[in-house]
């Protein structure tokens, strides 16, 4: 008939209900749940149930007897693993400063230093004289051999008429032919190189009255190992003569040898024949 749908019906367990696509208008009764469902071809819709509604809640029953008390503690569990170390705590405050302790005992004296010591010092005063001799002038006596190096500073001016002159220098009072020397000398703009062997003294320069007034020469004599008795003696002499006239100026250096192993205990400078060393001439000797 037009506009009418045929209704189909079946029943069985709820789990056996067919899919809703079985057909529009299909009715299914679940015998185990007493539910009547209707399909519209896509979904099932519950349309009735024969199960009764939930009854009213009954009155509360009497309180049951108290149960027995359980054990106070269960058995001790195993010790847990050691945890990681905690971070360092803050530094504590500094304690109070203690009192000063007693002074310690004085240590042993250290070795003697190796600085220079003045062994001899003489200056010509009053009137000019022919020489300066460590055994004759000033505080006399043998030069100390307690040092490694002998160093003499000799300042000389003479009474001669020239601008300068050669004088002589002796050690240990010897005038034998035991003196050797090699020199490099500059005079104004010229250079001279010379040697002398087997001489009876060394040369040493002084400034004369013919040069610029007020000048004196400086001579520095150095001899390492002067107190040694192993080798012949070797020293160095450095000379400086300044003057207001260029032709009078000179400077030089000498290598000086003395053919003796004896320790050096005396030093003497002697003015050239016919002249003297002027007042103010001086010889200072140091040991170091």
Protein backbone atom coordinates (compact mmCIF):
# COMPACT_ATOMS: atom_id res chain seq x y z
CA UNK A 1 0.00 0.00 0.00
CA UNK A 2 1.26 3.47 -0.84
CA UNK A 3 2.77 5.41 2.20
CA UNK A 4 2.77 2.35 4.46
CA UNK A 5 5.78 0.31 5.80
CA UNK A 6 5.68 -3.42 6.47
CA UNK A 7 6.80 -4.23 10.06
CA UNK A 8 8.98 -7.27 10.66
CA UNK A 9 9.60 -8.83 14.07
CA UNK A 10 12.04 -11.27 15.59
CA UNK A 11 13.37 -12.08 19.05
CA UNK A 12 16.37 -13.72 20.65
CA UNK A 13 19.31 -12.87 22.92
CA UNK A 14 20.35 -9.22 23.08
CA UNK A 15 23.76 -10.20 21.72
CA UNK A 16 22.06 -11.78 18.68
CA UNK A 17 20.19 -8.60 17.67
CA UNK A 18 20.91 -7.94 13.99
CA UNK A 19 22.40 -4.72 12.68
CA UNK A 20 20.05 -1.70 12.46
CA UNK A 21 20.44 -1.76 8.70
CA UNK A 22 18.17 -4.85 8.57
CA UNK A 23 15.38 -2.52 7.66
CA UNK A 24 13.29 0.44 8.61
CA UNK A 25 10.47 -0.63 10.87
CA UNK A 26 12.11 -3.81 12.11
CA UNK A 27 11.29 -4.73 15.73
CA UNK A 28 13.42 -6.96 17.92
CA UNK A 29 12.72 -8.33 21.39
CA UNK A 30 15.72 -9.41 23.54
CA UNK A 31 14.53 -12.36 25.59
CA UNK A 32 17.39 -12.18 28.12
CA UNK A 33 16.95 -8.47 28.92
CA UNK A 34 13.23 -8.09 28.22
CA UNK A 35 13.94 -5.09 25.95
CA UNK A 36 11.92 -4.23 22.79
CA UNK A 37 13.88 -2.22 20.19
CA UNK A 38 12.83 -0.54 16.91
CA UNK A 39 15.15 0.05 13.90
CA UNK A 40 14.82 2.98 11.52
CA UNK A 41 17.31 1.38 9.17
CA UNK A 42 20.26 3.17 10.78
CA UNK A 43 19.98 2.88 14.57
CA UNK A 44 18.09 0.85 17.15
CA UNK A 45 15.80 2.67 19.57
CA UNK A 46 14.61 1.09 22.85
CA UNK A 47 10.83 1.37 22.86
CA UNK A 48 9.84 -0.82 25.85
CA UNK A 49 11.16 -3.07 28.62
CA UNK A 50 9.35 -5.57 30.74
CA UNK A 51 11.87 -5.39 33.62
CA UNK A 52 10.49 -3.85 36.89
CA UNK A 53 11.83 -0.56 38.31
CA UNK A 54 14.32 -0.38 41.20
CA UNK A 55 12.55 -0.74 44.60
CA UNK A 56 12.89 1.72 47.46
CA UNK A 57 16.00 1.51 49.64
CA UNK A 58 15.37 -0.61 52.75
CA UNK A 59 16.20 0.53 56.29
CA UNK A 60 19.85 0.46 57.55
CA UNK A 61 20.75 -2.82 59.20
CA UNK A 62 22.23 -3.05 62.73
CA UNK A 63 26.00 -2.30 63.22
CA UNK A 64 28.09 -5.41 63.08
CA UNK A 65 30.50 -6.48 65.87
CA UNK A 66 33.94 -4.77 66.02
CA UNK A 67 36.63 -6.69 64.28
CA UNK A 68 39.83 -7.85 65.97
CA UNK A 69 42.71 -5.28 66.28
CA UNK A 70 45.36 -5.75 63.65
CA UNK A 71 49.09 -5.98 64.32
CA UNK A 72 50.75 -2.65 65.36
CA UNK A 73 53.54 -2.75 62.80
CA UNK A 74 54.43 -4.78 59.81
CA UNK A 75 57.89 -6.33 59.48
CA UNK A 76 60.84 -3.90 58.92
CA UNK A 77 61.64 -3.49 55.27
CA UNK A 78 65.21 -3.75 53.87
CA UNK A 79 67.56 -0.78 54.26
CA UNK A 80 67.39 1.54 51.30
CA UNK A 81 70.44 2.48 49.21
CA UNK A 82 72.63 5.37 50.46
CA UNK A 83 71.53 8.66 48.96
CA UNK A 84 73.94 11.03 47.17
CA UNK A 85 76.18 13.28 49.28
CA UNK A 86 74.74 16.64 50.10
CA UNK A 87 76.40 19.89 48.98
CA UNK A 88 79.10 21.47 51.17
CA UNK A 89 77.88 23.79 53.84
CA UNK A 90 78.98 27.42 54.06
CA UNK A 91 82.42 28.22 55.51
CA UNK A 92 82.40 29.08 59.15
CA UNK A 93 83.60 32.45 60.41
CA UNK A 94 87.34 32.98 61.00
CA UNK A 95 88.44 32.36 64.54
CA UNK A 96 90.05 35.04 66.65
CA UNK A 97 93.70 35.87 65.94
CA UNK A 98 96.03 34.14 68.34
CA UNK A 99 98.60 36.02 70.33
CA UNK A 100 102.12 36.52 68.95
CA UNK A 101 104.48 33.72 69.83
CA UNK A 102 107.86 34.28 71.40
CA UNK A 103 110.78 35.42 69.23
CA UNK A 104 112.88 32.62 67.78
CA UNK A 105 116.55 32.24 68.47
CA UNK A 106 119.04 34.18 66.35
CA UNK A 107 120.37 32.15 63.45
CA UNK A 108 124.01 31.50 62.78
CA UNK A 109 126.06 34.27 61.20
CA UNK A 110 126.15 34.15 57.41
CA UNK A 111 129.35 33.98 55.39
CA UNK A 112 131.44 37.10 54.96
CA UNK A 113 130.28 39.22 52.04
CA UNK A 114 132.40 39.75 48.95
CA UNK A 115 132.10 43.52 48.60
CA UNK A 116 135.04 45.87 48.17
CA UNK A 117 137.30 46.83 51.06
CA UNK A 118 139.61 49.84 51.04
CA UNK A 119 143.17 48.57 51.55
CA UNK A 120 145.13 51.78 50.99
CA UNK A 121 144.46 55.49 50.39
CA UNK A 122 147.11 58.24 50.16
CA UNK A 123 146.97 61.78 48.78
CA UNK A 124 150.01 64.04 48.35
CA UNK A 125 149.63 67.16 50.47
CA UNK A 126 151.88 70.07 51.38
CA UNK A 127 154.44 69.76 48.58
CA UNK A 128 155.06 67.69 45.46
CA UNK A 129 156.89 64.40 45.87
CA UNK A 130 158.65 61.91 43.62
CA UNK A 131 156.54 58.80 44.32
CA UNK A 132 153.62 57.18 46.06
CA UNK A 133 154.56 53.87 47.69
CA UNK A 134 152.27 51.66 49.78
CA UNK A 135 155.22 50.71 52.04
CA UNK A 136 156.40 54.31 52.51
CA UNK A 137 153.52 56.77 52.31
CA UNK A 138 150.46 57.02 54.52
CA UNK A 139 149.31 53.97 56.43
CA UNK A 140 151.98 51.52 55.37
CA UNK A 141 152.19 47.77 55.37
CA UNK A 142 151.82 44.82 53.02
CA UNK A 143 148.62 44.77 51.02
CA UNK A 144 146.10 42.22 52.34
CA UNK A 145 145.88 39.00 50.33
CA UNK A 146 142.39 38.15 51.62
CA UNK A 147 140.59 39.16 48.41
CA UNK A 148 140.26 37.89 44.87
CA UNK A 149 140.88 41.07 42.90
CA UNK A 150 143.21 44.03 43.50
CA UNK A 151 141.95 47.32 42.07
CA UNK A 152 143.89 50.61 42.22
CA UNK A 153 142.60 54.05 41.22
CA UNK A 154 145.55 56.38 40.58
CA UNK A 155 145.10 60.13 39.94
CA UNK A 156 148.31 61.82 38.76
CA UNK A 157 149.46 65.33 37.86
CA UNK A 158 153.14 66.19 37.52
CA UNK A 159 155.37 69.25 37.75
CA UNK A 160 156.95 68.77 34.30
CA UNK A 161 156.64 71.34 31.52
CA UNK A 162 154.92 69.02 29.04
CA UNK A 163 151.22 68.28 28.70
CA UNK A 164 151.85 64.79 30.01
CA UNK A 165 154.64 62.34 30.67
CA UNK A 166 155.36 58.65 31.09
CA UNK A 167 156.17 57.52 34.62
CA UNK A 168 156.88 54.06 36.01
CA UNK A 169 154.95 51.62 38.20
CA UNK A 170 156.42 48.74 40.22
CA UNK A 171 155.06 45.78 42.21
CA UNK A 172 156.70 44.17 45.23
CA UNK A 173 159.64 46.63 44.93
CA UNK A 174 161.08 44.69 41.99
CA UNK A 175 163.25 46.52 39.41
CA UNK A 176 164.27 43.33 37.58
CA UNK A 177 163.45 42.79 33.90
CA UNK A 178 160.23 40.94 34.73
CA UNK A 179 157.68 43.40 33.33
CA UNK A 180 155.80 42.85 30.03
CA UNK A 181 153.11 45.07 28.48
CA UNK A 182 150.95 45.41 25.35
CA UNK A 183 149.06 48.64 24.75
CA UNK A 184 146.56 50.26 22.42
CA UNK A 185 146.80 54.05 22.69
CA UNK A 186 144.79 56.83 21.12
CA UNK A 187 146.38 60.33 20.90
CA UNK A 188 144.04 62.96 19.46
CA UNK A 189 142.92 61.24 16.20
CA UNK A 190 145.81 58.78 15.90
CA UNK A 191 146.08 55.25 17.23
CA UNK A 192 149.25 53.54 18.35
CA UNK A 193 149.73 49.84 19.14
CA UNK A 194 152.93 48.84 20.90
CA UNK A 195 154.48 46.12 23.03
CA UNK A 196 157.36 45.93 25.48
CA UNK A 197 158.80 42.77 27.04
CA UNK A 198 161.43 42.23 29.68
CA UNK A 199 161.21 45.82 30.93
CA UNK A 200 162.15 46.89 34.46
CA UNK A 201 158.79 48.61 35.13
CA UNK A 202 155.38 49.35 33.60
CA UNK A 203 154.48 52.76 32.15
CA UNK A 204 151.82 55.00 33.70
CA UNK A 205 150.80 58.47 32.49
CA UNK A 206 150.39 61.80 34.35
CA UNK A 207 149.17 65.25 33.25
CA UNK A 208 151.82 68.01 33.13
CA UNK A 209 151.82 71.78 33.54
CA UNK A 210 152.12 72.30 29.79
CA UNK A 211 148.52 71.11 29.35
CA UNK A 212 145.28 72.74 30.44
CA UNK A 213 145.59 73.76 34.07
CA UNK A 214 143.40 71.77 36.49
CA UNK A 215 143.48 68.42 34.73
CA UNK A 216 145.00 65.19 36.05
CA UNK A 217 145.07 61.71 34.52
CA UNK A 218 143.00 58.84 35.87
CA UNK A 219 144.51 55.37 35.76
CA UNK A 220 142.58 52.25 36.80
CA UNK A 221 144.75 49.19 37.46
CA UNK A 222 143.03 45.82 37.99
CA UNK A 223 144.68 42.49 38.78
CA UNK A 224 142.54 39.37 39.43
CA UNK A 225 144.24 36.62 41.44
CA UNK A 226 146.81 39.05 42.83
CA UNK A 227 147.29 36.90 45.96
CA UNK A 228 147.57 33.60 44.07
CA UNK A 229 150.93 31.83 43.91
CA UNK A 230 150.17 29.56 40.93
CA UNK A 231 150.63 31.74 37.83
CA UNK A 232 152.60 34.79 36.75
CA UNK A 233 150.59 37.94 37.42
CA UNK A 234 148.48 39.58 34.68
CA UNK A 235 146.55 42.82 35.08
CA UNK A 236 144.94 45.61 33.06
CA UNK A 237 145.49 49.35 33.10
CA UNK A 238 143.02 51.84 31.62
CA UNK A 239 144.29 55.41 31.21
CA UNK A 240 142.43 58.63 30.53
CA UNK A 241 144.07 62.04 29.90
CA UNK A 242 141.70 64.89 29.02
CA UNK A 243 142.92 68.35 27.98
CA UNK A 244 141.62 71.57 26.51
CA UNK A 245 143.91 71.08 23.49
CA UNK A 246 142.90 68.17 21.25
CA UNK A 247 146.50 67.31 20.43
CA UNK A 248 147.22 66.69 24.11
CA UNK A 249 144.35 64.30 24.75
CA UNK A 250 144.98 60.56 24.98
CA UNK A 251 143.42 57.37 26.25
CA UNK A 252 144.63 53.82 26.24
CA UNK A 253 144.48 50.35 27.64
CA UNK A 254 147.37 48.12 28.66
CA UNK A 255 147.76 44.40 29.30
CA UNK A 256 150.39 44.16 32.05
CA UNK A 257 152.36 41.03 32.95
CA UNK A 258 154.73 40.37 35.85
CA UNK A 259 156.89 37.25 35.65
CA UNK A 260 156.52 36.04 39.21
CA UNK A 261 154.14 33.72 41.05
CA UNK A 262 154.56 35.67 44.31
CA UNK A 263 151.49 37.37 45.75
CA UNK A 264 151.33 41.14 45.13
CA UNK A 265 151.85 42.94 48.46
CA UNK A 266 153.24 46.34 47.37
CA UNK A 267 152.52 48.94 44.66
CA UNK A 268 154.59 52.03 43.81
CA UNK A 269 154.38 54.79 41.16
CA UNK A 270 157.52 56.88 40.46
CA UNK A 271 157.60 60.23 38.61
CA UNK A 272 159.83 60.66 35.57
CA UNK A 273 163.36 61.87 36.21
CA UNK A 274 163.53 65.54 37.10
CA UNK A 275 159.84 65.87 37.99
CA UNK A 276 157.55 65.17 40.90
CA UNK A 277 153.91 64.32 41.35
CA UNK A 278 151.91 67.43 42.15
CA UNK A 279 149.95 68.06 45.33
CA UNK A 280 146.56 66.31 45.07
CA UNK A 281 147.89 63.24 43.30
CA UNK A 282 146.33 60.21 44.93
CA UNK A 283 146.36 56.38 45.00
CA UNK A 284 143.43 54.32 46.33
CA UNK A 285 143.61 50.52 46.43
CA UNK A 286 140.67 48.16 47.02
CA UNK A 287 140.38 44.44 47.52
CA UNK A 288 137.26 42.66 46.31
